[in-house]
Amino acid sequence: PLDGMKIGIDCANGAASRTAKLLFSELGAECHMFADQPDGVNVNDRCGSTHIESLMRFVAENRLDAGVAFDGDADRCLAVDEKGQLVDGDYEMAICALDLKSRGKLAKNAVVGTIMTNMGFSRFCKDNGIEFEATKVGDRYVLEEMLLEGYNFGGEQSGHIIFLDFATTGDGQLTAAQLLSLVRRRQAKLSSLATLMQRYPQVIVNVPVTAEGKLRFYTDD
């Protein structure tokens, strides 16, 4: 399904280093590997989804069709379009959710995200007749809501995406395969597909609180 695609793959010198090239080559892609030489201490060292700027430069400089970056244990995936621009988890969810809906494969026409999901995604859902459910931060809470309500798709801005029809956890390589095969099937550029959602300005600040304060935050109606 990826025949003819030239993709950059950032393995973060982690788990995907042993599997990604084999997987995406078998799917027909021309693989340009990056950070796939783990030595036991270089995992996530200026590479991977936590340092996506390295892949952004790599894709642009090598004129690739797209790029995907995993984290050390490969449960996350962020993407880069052919222009070297970031396509984060919110964009990935928007692109995949609309595709699933168009094919009648989005359970209950709903997507599960978190309270950190960008407001632009909830606006995208409203404009496209998709129900959006927000949970506490953490893919465990996303999965919990999916199982409770019978949904089959959800994830986080960080790139933890759950395709419940195929796996019960975030799987970066599964996410990459789903996203890239969609791009190939649509015969579109990833940058074009990403325009379906407008990202709103967002600032995330960590605020220290006591255990009691945290409990009140989650239980106060």
N, C-alpha and C. Protein backbone atom coordinates (compact mmCIF):
# COMPACT_ATOMS: atom_id res chain seq x y z
N PRO A 1 0.80 -1.23 0.00
CA PRO A 1 0.00 0.00 0.00
C PRO A 1 0.83 1.28 0.00
N LEU A 2 2.16 1.17 0.19
CA LEU A 2 3.01 2.36 0.20
C LEU A 2 3.93 2.42 -1.01
N ASP A 3 3.60 1.69 -2.05
CA ASP A 3 4.44 1.62 -3.24
C ASP A 3 4.75 3.01 -3.79
N GLY A 4 6.04 3.27 -3.99
CA GLY A 4 6.46 4.53 -4.59
C GLY A 4 6.70 5.65 -3.61
N MET A 5 6.34 5.47 -2.35
CA MET A 5 6.52 6.54 -1.37
C MET A 5 7.95 6.54 -0.83
N LYS A 6 8.51 7.72 -0.71
CA LYS A 6 9.83 7.90 -0.10
C LYS A 6 9.60 8.50 1.29
N ILE A 7 9.92 7.73 2.32
CA ILE A 7 9.62 8.19 3.67
C ILE A 7 10.87 8.19 4.55
N GLY A 8 10.93 9.19 5.42
CA GLY A 8 11.97 9.25 6.42
C GLY A 8 11.46 8.61 7.70
N ILE A 9 12.28 7.79 8.32
CA ILE A 9 11.85 7.07 9.52
C ILE A 9 12.86 7.32 10.63
N ASP A 10 12.42 8.01 11.67
CA ASP A 10 13.26 8.31 12.84
C ASP A 10 12.90 7.32 13.94
N CYS A 11 13.81 6.42 14.22
CA CYS A 11 13.54 5.34 15.19
C CYS A 11 13.94 5.71 16.62
N ALA A 12 14.44 6.92 16.82
CA ALA A 12 14.82 7.39 18.16
C ALA A 12 15.89 6.52 18.80
N ASN A 13 16.61 5.76 17.97
CA ASN A 13 17.60 4.81 18.50
C ASN A 13 16.97 3.90 19.55
N GLY A 14 15.73 3.53 19.30
CA GLY A 14 14.98 2.71 20.25
C GLY A 14 14.44 1.44 19.64
N ALA A 15 13.30 1.00 20.16
CA ALA A 15 12.74 -0.29 19.80
C ALA A 15 12.46 -0.45 18.31
N ALA A 16 12.01 0.63 17.66
CA ALA A 16 11.66 0.54 16.25
C ALA A 16 12.87 0.33 15.35
N SER A 17 14.07 0.52 15.89
CA SER A 17 15.28 0.33 15.10
C SER A 17 15.40 -1.09 14.55
N ARG A 18 14.78 -2.04 15.25
CA ARG A 18 14.88 -3.44 14.84
C ARG A 18 13.78 -3.84 13.87
N THR A 19 12.74 -3.04 13.75
CA THR A 19 11.56 -3.50 13.00
C THR A 19 11.08 -2.56 11.91
N ALA A 20 11.31 -1.26 12.05
CA ALA A 20 10.66 -0.28 11.16
C ALA A 20 11.07 -0.44 9.70
N LYS A 21 12.36 -0.59 9.44
CA LYS A 21 12.80 -0.69 8.05
C LYS A 21 12.21 -1.92 7.38
N LEU A 22 12.20 -3.04 8.09
CA LEU A 22 11.61 -4.26 7.54
C LEU A 22 10.13 -4.07 7.26
N LEU A 23 9.41 -3.50 8.22
CA LEU A 23 7.97 -3.33 8.07
C LEU A 23 7.62 -2.44 6.88
N PHE A 24 8.21 -1.25 6.83
CA PHE A 24 7.80 -0.30 5.80
C PHE A 24 8.38 -0.64 4.42
N SER A 25 9.50 -1.36 4.40
CA SER A 25 10.01 -1.86 3.12
C SER A 25 9.07 -2.93 2.58
N GLU A 26 8.58 -3.79 3.46
CA GLU A 26 7.63 -4.82 3.03
C GLU A 26 6.34 -4.20 2.51
N LEU A 27 5.99 -3.03 3.03
CA LEU A 27 4.79 -2.34 2.56
C LEU A 27 5.02 -1.59 1.25
N GLY A 28 6.27 -1.59 0.78
CA GLY A 28 6.57 -1.02 -0.52
C GLY A 28 7.24 0.34 -0.52
N ALA A 29 7.51 0.89 0.65
CA ALA A 29 8.10 2.23 0.73
C ALA A 29 9.61 2.20 0.51
N GLU A 30 10.12 3.30 0.01
CA GLU A 30 11.57 3.52 -0.04
C GLU A 30 11.95 4.19 1.28
N CYS A 31 12.66 3.47 2.12
CA CYS A 31 12.90 3.92 3.49
C CYS A 31 14.24 4.64 3.63
N HIS A 32 14.19 5.82 4.20
CA HIS A 32 15.39 6.59 4.51
C HIS A 32 15.48 6.63 6.03
N MET A 33 16.40 5.86 6.57
CA MET A 33 16.45 5.66 8.01
C MET A 33 17.24 6.75 8.72
N PHE A 34 16.79 7.04 9.93
CA PHE A 34 17.41 8.08 10.76
C PHE A 34 17.36 7.61 12.21
N ALA A 35 18.47 7.77 12.92
CA ALA A 35 18.53 7.39 14.34
C ALA A 35 18.06 5.96 14.56
N ASP A 36 18.68 5.03 13.84
CA ASP A 36 18.32 3.61 13.96
C ASP A 36 19.53 2.77 14.37
N GLN A 37 20.45 3.39 15.12
CA GLN A 37 21.65 2.69 15.58
C GLN A 37 21.77 2.78 17.10
N PRO A 38 20.93 2.05 17.82
CA PRO A 38 20.97 2.13 19.28
C PRO A 38 22.26 1.54 19.86
N ASP A 39 22.79 2.22 20.89
CA ASP A 39 23.98 1.70 21.56
C ASP A 39 23.74 1.50 23.06
N GLY A 40 22.47 1.62 23.45
CA GLY A 40 22.13 1.41 24.85
C GLY A 40 21.99 2.69 25.65
N VAL A 41 22.55 3.79 25.15
CA VAL A 41 22.47 5.05 25.88
C VAL A 41 21.99 6.22 25.02
N ASN A 42 21.86 6.02 23.72
CA ASN A 42 21.52 7.14 22.84
C ASN A 42 20.04 7.22 22.48
N VAL A 43 19.20 6.45 23.15
CA VAL A 43 17.77 6.50 22.88
C VAL A 43 17.22 7.90 23.14
N ASN A 44 16.44 8.42 22.20
CA ASN A 44 15.82 9.75 22.29
C ASN A 44 16.83 10.89 22.38
N ASP A 45 18.08 10.63 22.06
CA ASP A 45 19.12 11.66 22.16
C ASP A 45 19.09 12.54 20.91
N ARG A 46 18.44 13.69 21.01
CA ARG A 46 18.29 14.63 19.90
C ARG A 46 17.65 13.97 18.68
N CYS A 47 16.73 13.07 18.94
CA CYS A 47 16.05 12.38 17.85
C CYS A 47 14.71 11.86 18.37
N GLY A 48 13.94 11.26 17.48
CA GLY A 48 12.66 10.69 17.88
C GLY A 48 11.56 11.72 18.00
N SER A 49 10.39 11.27 18.41
CA SER A 49 9.22 12.15 18.48
C SER A 49 9.37 13.25 19.52
N THR A 50 10.29 13.09 20.47
CA THR A 50 10.50 14.14 21.47
C THR A 50 11.47 15.21 20.98
N HIS A 51 12.10 14.96 19.84
CA HIS A 51 13.00 15.94 19.21
C HIS A 51 12.73 15.93 17.71
N ILE A 52 11.50 16.23 17.35
CA ILE A 52 11.01 16.07 15.99
C ILE A 52 11.72 16.99 14.99
N GLU A 53 12.35 18.05 15.48
CA GLU A 53 13.00 18.99 14.57
C GLU A 53 14.09 18.32 13.73
N SER A 54 14.71 17.27 14.26
CA SER A 54 15.74 16.55 13.50
C SER A 54 15.14 15.90 12.25
N LEU A 55 14.00 15.26 12.40
CA LEU A 55 13.33 14.63 11.27
C LEU A 55 12.77 15.67 10.31
N MET A 56 12.31 16.79 10.82
CA MET A 56 11.78 17.85 9.97
C MET A 56 12.85 18.32 8.98
N ARG A 57 14.05 18.51 9.47
CA ARG A 57 15.16 18.90 8.59
C ARG A 57 15.51 17.78 7.63
N PHE A 58 15.52 16.56 8.12
CA PHE A 58 15.90 15.39 7.33
C PHE A 58 14.96 15.20 6.14
N VAL A 59 13.66 15.32 6.38
CA VAL A 59 12.67 15.14 5.31
C VAL A 59 12.80 16.25 4.27
N ALA A 60 12.92 17.49 4.72
CA ALA A 60 13.01 18.61 3.79
C ALA A 60 14.29 18.54 2.96
N GLU A 61 15.41 18.24 3.60
CA GLU A 61 16.70 18.21 2.91
C GLU A 61 16.77 17.08 1.88
N ASN A 62 16.10 15.97 2.16
CA ASN A 62 16.14 14.81 1.26
C ASN A 62 14.94 14.74 0.32
N ARG A 63 14.07 15.75 0.39
CA ARG A 63 12.91 15.85 -0.50
C ARG A 63 12.07 14.57 -0.48
N LEU A 64 11.73 14.14 0.72
CA LEU A 64 10.94 12.93 0.89
C LEU A 64 9.45 13.25 0.86
N ASP A 65 8.64 12.21 0.68
CA ASP A 65 7.18 12.40 0.64
C ASP A 65 6.60 12.66 2.02
N ALA A 66 7.23 12.10 3.04
CA ALA A 66 6.75 12.26 4.42
C ALA A 66 7.78 11.65 5.35
N GLY A 67 7.58 11.88 6.63
CA GLY A 67 8.44 11.28 7.63
C GLY A 67 7.63 10.88 8.84
N VAL A 68 8.11 9.88 9.57
CA VAL A 68 7.46 9.46 10.81
C VAL A 68 8.53 9.30 11.88
N ALA A 69 8.21 9.72 13.09
CA ALA A 69 9.16 9.64 14.20
C ALA A 69 8.51 8.90 15.37
N PHE A 70 9.24 7.95 15.92
CA PHE A 70 8.77 7.20 17.07
C PHE A 70 9.53 7.66 18.31
N ASP A 71 9.05 7.27 19.48
CA ASP A 71 9.82 7.49 20.69
C ASP A 71 10.56 6.20 21.02
N GLY A 72 11.22 6.17 22.16
CA GLY A 72 12.08 5.04 22.48
C GLY A 72 11.41 3.68 22.45
N ASP A 73 10.21 3.59 23.04
CA ASP A 73 9.52 2.29 23.04
C ASP A 73 8.51 2.17 21.90
N ALA A 74 8.50 3.15 21.02
CA ALA A 74 7.72 3.10 19.77
C ALA A 74 6.22 2.99 19.97
N ASP A 75 5.71 3.52 21.09
CA ASP A 75 4.25 3.54 21.23
C ASP A 75 3.66 4.86 20.75
N ARG A 76 4.52 5.81 20.39
CA ARG A 76 4.08 7.10 19.87
C ARG A 76 4.58 7.30 18.44
N CYS A 77 3.83 8.07 17.69
CA CYS A 77 4.27 8.43 16.34
C CYS A 77 3.83 9.85 16.03
N LEU A 78 4.77 10.69 15.65
CA LEU A 78 4.48 11.99 15.07
C LEU A 78 4.93 11.96 13.63
N ALA A 79 4.30 12.78 12.79
CA ALA A 79 4.62 12.76 11.37
C ALA A 79 5.14 14.12 10.91
N VAL A 80 5.77 14.10 9.76
CA VAL A 80 6.28 15.31 9.11
C VAL A 80 5.82 15.27 7.66
N ASP A 81 5.29 16.38 7.16
CA ASP A 81 4.84 16.38 5.77
C ASP A 81 6.01 16.62 4.82
N GLU A 82 5.73 16.63 3.53
CA GLU A 82 6.78 16.73 2.52
C GLU A 82 7.51 18.07 2.55
N LYS A 83 6.94 19.06 3.25
CA LYS A 83 7.58 20.36 3.38
C LYS A 83 8.45 20.46 4.63
N GLY A 84 8.46 19.39 5.41
CA GLY A 84 9.23 19.40 6.64
C GLY A 84 8.47 20.00 7.81
N GLN A 85 7.14 20.07 7.70
CA GLN A 85 6.31 20.65 8.76
C GLN A 85 5.73 19.55 9.64
N LEU A 86 5.63 19.84 10.93
CA LEU A 86 5.12 18.88 11.90
C LEU A 86 3.64 18.58 11.69
N VAL A 87 3.30 17.30 11.77
CA VAL A 87 1.91 16.83 11.80
C VAL A 87 1.77 16.07 13.11
N ASP A 88 1.26 16.74 14.15
CA ASP A 88 1.23 16.13 15.47
C ASP A 88 0.03 15.19 15.64
N GLY A 89 -0.13 14.67 16.85
CA GLY A 89 -1.17 13.69 17.10
C GLY A 89 -2.57 14.19 16.83
N ASP A 90 -2.84 15.46 17.08
CA ASP A 90 -4.17 16.02 16.81
C ASP A 90 -4.47 16.01 15.31
N TYR A 91 -3.48 16.39 14.51
CA TYR A 91 -3.66 16.34 13.06
C TYR A 91 -3.80 14.90 12.57
N GLU A 92 -2.99 14.02 13.12
CA GLU A 92 -3.09 12.60 12.74
C GLU A 92 -4.48 12.06 13.03
N MET A 93 -5.01 12.41 14.20
CA MET A 93 -6.36 11.94 14.55
C MET A 93 -7.41 12.53 13.62
N ALA A 94 -7.27 13.80 13.28
CA ALA A 94 -8.25 14.44 12.39
C ALA A 94 -8.24 13.77 11.02
N ILE A 95 -7.06 13.57 10.47
CA ILE A 95 -6.94 12.96 9.14
C ILE A 95 -7.51 11.55 9.14
N CYS A 96 -7.13 10.76 10.14
CA CYS A 96 -7.58 9.37 10.19
C CYS A 96 -9.06 9.25 10.55
N ALA A 97 -9.53 10.11 11.45
CA ALA A 97 -10.94 10.05 11.85
C ALA A 97 -11.86 10.33 10.67
N LEU A 98 -11.53 11.35 9.89
CA LEU A 98 -12.38 11.69 8.75
C LEU A 98 -12.36 10.57 7.71
N ASP A 99 -11.20 9.95 7.54
CA ASP A 99 -11.11 8.83 6.60
C ASP A 99 -11.94 7.64 7.09
N LEU A 100 -11.83 7.32 8.38
CA LEU A 100 -12.61 6.22 8.95
C LEU A 100 -14.11 6.50 8.81
N LYS A 101 -14.51 7.73 9.09
CA LYS A 101 -15.92 8.10 8.99
C LYS A 101 -16.41 7.96 7.55
N SER A 102 -15.61 8.39 6.60
CA SER A 102 -16.02 8.33 5.20
C SER A 102 -16.19 6.90 4.72
N ARG A 103 -15.50 5.97 5.37
CA ARG A 103 -15.59 4.55 5.00
C ARG A 103 -16.51 3.76 5.92
N GLY A 104 -17.21 4.47 6.81
CA GLY A 104 -18.14 3.81 7.71
C GLY A 104 -17.48 2.95 8.77
N LYS A 105 -16.24 3.30 9.13
CA LYS A 105 -15.49 2.49 10.08
C LYS A 105 -15.17 3.21 11.39
N LEU A 106 -15.78 4.37 11.60
CA LEU A 106 -15.57 5.11 12.84
C LEU A 106 -16.74 4.80 13.77
N ALA A 107 -16.50 3.97 14.77
CA ALA A 107 -17.56 3.52 15.67
C ALA A 107 -18.28 4.70 16.32
N LYS A 108 -19.59 4.71 16.19
CA LYS A 108 -20.45 5.75 16.77
C LYS A 108 -20.07 7.16 16.31
N ASN A 109 -19.32 7.24 15.21
CA ASN A 109 -18.86 8.54 14.69
C ASN A 109 -18.26 9.39 15.80
N ALA A 110 -17.38 8.77 16.59
CA ALA A 110 -16.81 9.46 17.75
C ALA A 110 -15.31 9.23 17.85
N VAL A 111 -14.64 10.21 18.44
CA VAL A 111 -13.20 10.13 18.70
C VAL A 111 -12.96 10.52 20.15
N VAL A 112 -12.04 9.83 20.80
CA VAL A 112 -11.69 10.15 22.18
C VAL A 112 -10.32 10.82 22.22
N GLY A 113 -10.26 11.99 22.84
CA GLY A 113 -9.00 12.70 23.04
C GLY A 113 -8.83 13.00 24.52
N THR A 114 -8.07 14.04 24.83
CA THR A 114 -7.86 14.41 26.23
C THR A 114 -8.10 15.91 26.40
N ILE A 115 -8.00 16.37 27.64
CA ILE A 115 -8.18 17.79 27.90
C ILE A 115 -7.04 18.62 27.32
N MET A 116 -5.96 17.98 26.86
CA MET A 116 -4.87 18.69 26.22
C MET A 116 -5.01 18.73 24.70
N THR A 117 -6.01 18.06 24.17
CA THR A 117 -6.25 18.10 22.73
C THR A 117 -6.53 19.54 22.30
N ASN A 118 -5.94 19.95 21.20
CA ASN A 118 -6.10 21.33 20.75
C ASN A 118 -7.56 21.65 20.44
N MET A 119 -7.97 22.88 20.76
CA MET A 119 -9.34 23.30 20.52
C MET A 119 -9.72 23.20 19.03
N GLY A 120 -8.73 23.33 18.18
CA GLY A 120 -8.99 23.21 16.75
C GLY A 120 -9.52 21.84 16.38
N PHE A 121 -9.13 20.82 17.14
CA PHE A 121 -9.61 19.47 16.85
C PHE A 121 -11.09 19.33 17.20
N SER A 122 -11.49 19.88 18.33
CA SER A 122 -12.91 19.80 18.70
C SER A 122 -13.76 20.58 17.70
N ARG A 123 -13.23 21.69 17.19
CA ARG A 123 -13.94 22.45 16.16
C ARG A 123 -14.03 21.63 14.87
N PHE A 124 -12.95 20.96 14.53
CA PHE A 124 -12.95 20.08 13.36
C PHE A 124 -14.03 19.01 13.49
N CYS A 125 -14.11 18.40 14.67
CA CYS A 125 -15.11 17.35 14.89
C CYS A 125 -16.53 17.90 14.72
N LYS A 126 -16.78 19.05 15.31
CA LYS A 126 -18.11 19.66 15.21
C LYS A 126 -18.48 19.94 13.76
N ASP A 127 -17.51 20.45 12.99
CA ASP A 127 -17.77 20.79 11.59
C ASP A 127 -17.99 19.57 10.71
N ASN A 128 -17.52 18.40 11.18
CA ASN A 128 -17.60 17.20 10.35
C ASN A 128 -18.53 16.13 10.92
N GLY A 129 -19.38 16.52 11.87
CA GLY A 129 -20.35 15.59 12.40
C GLY A 129 -19.76 14.44 13.19
N ILE A 130 -18.65 14.73 13.87
CA ILE A 130 -17.98 13.72 14.69
C ILE A 130 -18.08 14.12 16.16
N GLU A 131 -18.45 13.18 17.00
CA GLU A 131 -18.54 13.46 18.44
C GLU A 131 -17.14 13.38 19.04
N PHE A 132 -16.82 14.33 19.90
CA PHE A 132 -15.51 14.35 20.55
C PHE A 132 -15.66 14.20 22.05
N GLU A 133 -14.96 13.22 22.61
CA GLU A 133 -14.96 12.99 24.06
C GLU A 133 -13.56 13.26 24.60
N ALA A 134 -13.46 14.08 25.64
CA ALA A 134 -12.16 14.41 26.24
C ALA A 134 -12.02 13.76 27.61
N THR A 135 -10.87 13.13 27.84
CA THR A 135 -10.59 12.48 29.11
C THR A 135 -9.42 13.18 29.81
N LYS A 136 -9.06 12.68 30.96
CA LYS A 136 -7.83 13.13 31.60
C LYS A 136 -6.64 12.76 30.70
N VAL A 137 -5.51 13.40 30.94
CA VAL A 137 -4.32 13.15 30.12
C VAL A 137 -3.77 11.76 30.42
N GLY A 138 -3.47 11.03 29.36
CA GLY A 138 -2.92 9.69 29.50
C GLY A 138 -3.66 8.71 28.61
N ASP A 139 -2.92 7.92 27.83
CA ASP A 139 -3.59 7.00 26.91
C ASP A 139 -4.39 5.94 27.64
N ARG A 140 -4.07 5.68 28.91
CA ARG A 140 -4.86 4.71 29.68
C ARG A 140 -6.28 5.20 29.87
N TYR A 141 -6.44 6.52 30.04
CA TYR A 141 -7.78 7.08 30.21
C TYR A 141 -8.53 7.13 28.88
N VAL A 142 -7.78 7.36 27.81
CA VAL A 142 -8.39 7.33 26.48
C VAL A 142 -8.94 5.93 26.20
N LEU A 143 -8.11 4.92 26.46
CA LEU A 143 -8.54 3.54 26.23
C LEU A 143 -9.72 3.17 27.12
N GLU A 144 -9.68 3.61 28.36
CA GLU A 144 -10.76 3.31 29.31
C GLU A 144 -12.10 3.83 28.77
N GLU A 145 -12.10 5.06 28.26
CA GLU A 145 -13.32 5.65 27.72
C GLU A 145 -13.77 4.92 26.45
N MET A 146 -12.82 4.53 25.63
CA MET A 146 -13.15 3.81 24.40
C MET A 146 -13.83 2.48 24.71
N LEU A 147 -13.27 1.76 25.66
CA LEU A 147 -13.84 0.46 26.03
C LEU A 147 -15.20 0.62 26.69
N LEU A 148 -15.33 1.65 27.52
CA LEU A 148 -16.57 1.89 28.25
C LEU A 148 -17.72 2.24 27.31
N GLU A 149 -17.43 3.06 26.30
CA GLU A 149 -18.50 3.59 25.44
C GLU A 149 -18.59 2.91 24.07
N GLY A 150 -17.69 1.99 23.79
CA GLY A 150 -17.76 1.29 22.51
C GLY A 150 -17.19 2.05 21.33
N TYR A 151 -16.22 2.94 21.60
CA TYR A 151 -15.56 3.67 20.53
C TYR A 151 -14.35 2.87 20.04
N ASN A 152 -13.87 3.17 18.84
CA ASN A 152 -12.74 2.39 18.32
C ASN A 152 -11.54 3.24 17.90
N PHE A 153 -11.60 4.56 18.17
CA PHE A 153 -10.48 5.40 17.75
C PHE A 153 -10.29 6.56 18.72
N GLY A 154 -9.04 6.80 19.08
CA GLY A 154 -8.74 7.90 19.98
C GLY A 154 -7.25 8.08 20.14
N GLY A 155 -6.86 9.12 20.87
CA GLY A 155 -5.43 9.33 21.05
C GLY A 155 -5.11 10.66 21.68
N GLU A 156 -3.82 10.98 21.64
CA GLU A 156 -3.31 12.19 22.28
C GLU A 156 -2.47 13.00 21.31
N GLN A 157 -2.34 14.26 21.62
CA GLN A 157 -1.53 15.18 20.82
C GLN A 157 -0.08 14.70 20.70
N SER A 158 0.38 13.99 21.71
CA SER A 158 1.76 13.51 21.74
C SER A 158 2.04 12.40 20.74
N GLY A 159 0.99 11.87 20.12
CA GLY A 159 1.19 10.81 19.13
C GLY A 159 0.83 9.42 19.62
N HIS A 160 0.31 9.31 20.85
CA HIS A 160 -0.26 8.04 21.31
C HIS A 160 -1.63 7.89 20.63
N ILE A 161 -1.72 7.08 19.62
CA ILE A 161 -2.97 6.89 18.89
C ILE A 161 -3.40 5.43 19.03
N ILE A 162 -4.68 5.23 19.32
CA ILE A 162 -5.20 3.87 19.52
C ILE A 162 -6.21 3.54 18.43
N PHE A 163 -5.87 2.55 17.61
CA PHE A 163 -6.79 1.98 16.63
C PHE A 163 -7.30 0.68 17.25
N LEU A 164 -8.41 0.77 17.95
CA LEU A 164 -8.86 -0.36 18.77
C LEU A 164 -9.25 -1.58 17.94
N ASP A 165 -9.53 -1.40 16.66
CA ASP A 165 -9.83 -2.55 15.81
C ASP A 165 -8.60 -3.43 15.59
N PHE A 166 -7.42 -2.87 15.87
CA PHE A 166 -6.18 -3.60 15.62
C PHE A 166 -5.33 -3.81 16.87
N ALA A 167 -5.44 -2.93 17.86
CA ALA A 167 -4.60 -3.03 19.06
C ALA A 167 -5.26 -2.29 20.22
N THR A 168 -4.92 -2.70 21.42
CA THR A 168 -5.51 -2.08 22.62
C THR A 168 -4.58 -1.06 23.26
N THR A 169 -3.48 -0.76 22.61
CA THR A 169 -2.54 0.24 23.12
C THR A 169 -2.08 1.12 21.96
N GLY A 170 -1.42 2.22 22.31
CA GLY A 170 -0.79 3.02 21.28
C GLY A 170 0.35 2.23 20.65
N ASP A 171 0.43 2.22 19.33
CA ASP A 171 1.48 1.51 18.61
C ASP A 171 1.95 2.45 17.50
N GLY A 172 3.14 3.01 17.67
CA GLY A 172 3.62 4.01 16.74
C GLY A 172 3.73 3.52 15.31
N GLN A 173 4.19 2.30 15.14
CA GLN A 173 4.36 1.78 13.78
C GLN A 173 3.01 1.49 13.12
N LEU A 174 2.04 1.06 13.91
CA LEU A 174 0.68 0.88 13.39
C LEU A 174 0.10 2.23 12.97
N THR A 175 0.29 3.24 13.81
CA THR A 175 -0.20 4.58 13.48
C THR A 175 0.44 5.08 12.18
N ALA A 176 1.75 4.90 12.06
CA ALA A 176 2.44 5.34 10.85
C ALA A 176 1.93 4.61 9.62
N ALA A 177 1.73 3.31 9.74
CA ALA A 177 1.24 2.53 8.60
C ALA A 177 -0.16 2.97 8.19
N GLN A 178 -1.01 3.23 9.17
CA GLN A 178 -2.37 3.67 8.88
C GLN A 178 -2.36 5.04 8.19
N LEU A 179 -1.58 5.96 8.73
CA LEU A 179 -1.53 7.32 8.19
C LEU A 179 -0.94 7.34 6.79
N LEU A 180 0.19 6.67 6.61
CA LEU A 180 0.87 6.69 5.31
C LEU A 180 0.08 5.96 4.23
N SER A 181 -0.58 4.87 4.61
CA SER A 181 -1.39 4.15 3.63
C SER A 181 -2.59 5.00 3.20
N LEU A 182 -3.10 5.80 4.13
CA LEU A 182 -4.19 6.73 3.80
C LEU A 182 -3.70 7.77 2.79
N VAL A 183 -2.51 8.31 3.03
CA VAL A 183 -1.93 9.30 2.11
C VAL A 183 -1.77 8.68 0.72
N ARG A 184 -1.26 7.46 0.69
CA ARG A 184 -1.05 6.78 -0.60
C ARG A 184 -2.37 6.47 -1.28
N ARG A 185 -3.34 6.01 -0.52
CA ARG A 185 -4.64 5.65 -1.08
C ARG A 185 -5.35 6.87 -1.66
N ARG A 186 -5.22 8.00 -0.97
CA ARG A 186 -5.86 9.23 -1.43
C ARG A 186 -5.06 9.91 -2.54
N GLN A 187 -3.83 9.44 -2.76
CA GLN A 187 -2.93 10.05 -3.74
C GLN A 187 -2.83 11.56 -3.49
N ALA A 188 -2.64 11.88 -2.22
CA ALA A 188 -2.58 13.28 -1.80
C ALA A 188 -1.27 13.53 -1.05
N LYS A 189 -0.94 14.78 -0.88
CA LYS A 189 0.21 15.14 -0.06
C LYS A 189 -0.26 15.29 1.39
N LEU A 190 0.61 14.92 2.30
CA LEU A 190 0.25 15.00 3.71
C LEU A 190 -0.04 16.44 4.12
N SER A 191 0.68 17.39 3.55
CA SER A 191 0.44 18.80 3.88
C SER A 191 -0.97 19.22 3.48
N SER A 192 -1.46 18.68 2.37
CA SER A 192 -2.81 19.00 1.91
C SER A 192 -3.85 18.40 2.84
N LEU A 193 -3.65 17.16 3.25
CA LEU A 193 -4.60 16.51 4.15
C LEU A 193 -4.66 17.22 5.50
N ALA A 194 -3.54 17.76 5.94
CA ALA A 194 -3.49 18.41 7.25
C ALA A 194 -4.24 19.73 7.29
N THR A 195 -4.61 20.27 6.14
CA THR A 195 -5.32 21.55 6.13
C THR A 195 -6.77 21.41 6.59
N LEU A 196 -7.24 20.19 6.78
CA LEU A 196 -8.63 20.00 7.20
C LEU A 196 -8.87 20.47 8.64
N MET A 197 -7.78 20.66 9.40
CA MET A 197 -7.91 21.16 10.77
C MET A 197 -7.09 22.42 10.96
N GLN A 198 -7.67 23.41 11.59
CA GLN A 198 -6.94 24.63 11.92
C GLN A 198 -6.53 24.59 13.38
N ARG A 199 -5.25 24.60 13.62
CA ARG A 199 -4.75 24.55 15.00
C ARG A 199 -4.92 25.91 15.67
N TYR A 200 -5.45 25.91 16.89
CA TYR A 200 -5.60 27.15 17.65
C TYR A 200 -4.37 27.37 18.52
N PRO A 201 -4.04 28.63 18.81
CA PRO A 201 -2.92 28.90 19.73
C PRO A 201 -3.14 28.17 21.05
N GLN A 202 -2.09 27.57 21.56
CA GLN A 202 -2.22 26.76 22.77
C GLN A 202 -0.95 26.87 23.60
N VAL A 203 -1.12 27.07 24.89
CA VAL A 203 0.00 27.11 25.82
C VAL A 203 -0.26 26.08 26.91
N ILE A 204 0.71 25.22 27.15
CA ILE A 204 0.58 24.20 28.19
C ILE A 204 1.62 24.48 29.27
N VAL A 205 1.15 24.67 30.50
CA VAL A 205 2.03 24.99 31.62
C VAL A 205 1.82 23.97 32.73
N ASN A 206 2.90 23.41 33.23
CA ASN A 206 2.82 22.49 34.36
C ASN A 206 2.77 23.30 35.66
N VAL A 207 1.75 23.03 36.47
CA VAL A 207 1.57 23.75 37.73
C VAL A 207 1.66 22.76 38.88
N PRO A 208 2.59 22.96 39.81
CA PRO A 208 2.71 22.03 40.95
C PRO A 208 1.52 22.18 41.90
N VAL A 209 0.94 21.05 42.28
CA VAL A 209 -0.17 21.05 43.23
C VAL A 209 0.03 19.91 44.22
N THR A 210 -0.64 20.02 45.35
CA THR A 210 -0.59 18.94 46.33
C THR A 210 -1.49 17.80 45.88
N ALA A 211 -1.33 16.66 46.51
CA ALA A 211 -2.17 15.51 46.19
C ALA A 211 -3.64 15.83 46.45
N GLU A 212 -3.90 16.59 47.53
CA GLU A 212 -5.27 16.96 47.85
C GLU A 212 -5.85 17.90 46.79
N GLY A 213 -5.02 18.82 46.32
CA GLY A 213 -5.48 19.75 45.29
C GLY A 213 -5.78 19.04 43.99
N LYS A 214 -4.96 18.06 43.66
CA LYS A 214 -5.19 17.28 42.44
C LYS A 214 -6.50 16.51 42.54
N LEU A 215 -6.75 15.94 43.69
CA LEU A 215 -7.99 15.19 43.89
C LEU A 215 -9.21 16.10 43.75
N ARG A 216 -9.14 17.30 44.32
CA ARG A 216 -10.25 18.24 44.21
C ARG A 216 -10.49 18.65 42.77
N PHE A 217 -9.40 18.80 42.01
CA PHE A 217 -9.53 19.21 40.60
C PHE A 217 -10.32 18.17 39.81
N TYR A 218 -10.04 16.90 40.05
CA TYR A 218 -10.69 15.85 39.28
C TYR A 218 -12.09 15.48 39.79
N THR A 219 -12.41 15.90 41.02
CA THR A 219 -13.72 15.52 41.57
C THR A 219 -14.68 16.68 41.69
N ASP A 220 -14.19 17.92 41.53
CA ASP A 220 -15.04 19.10 41.66
C ASP A 220 -15.89 19.28 40.42
N ASP A 221 -17.19 19.26 40.59
CA ASP A 221 -18.11 19.45 39.47
C ASP A 221 -18.28 20.93 39.14
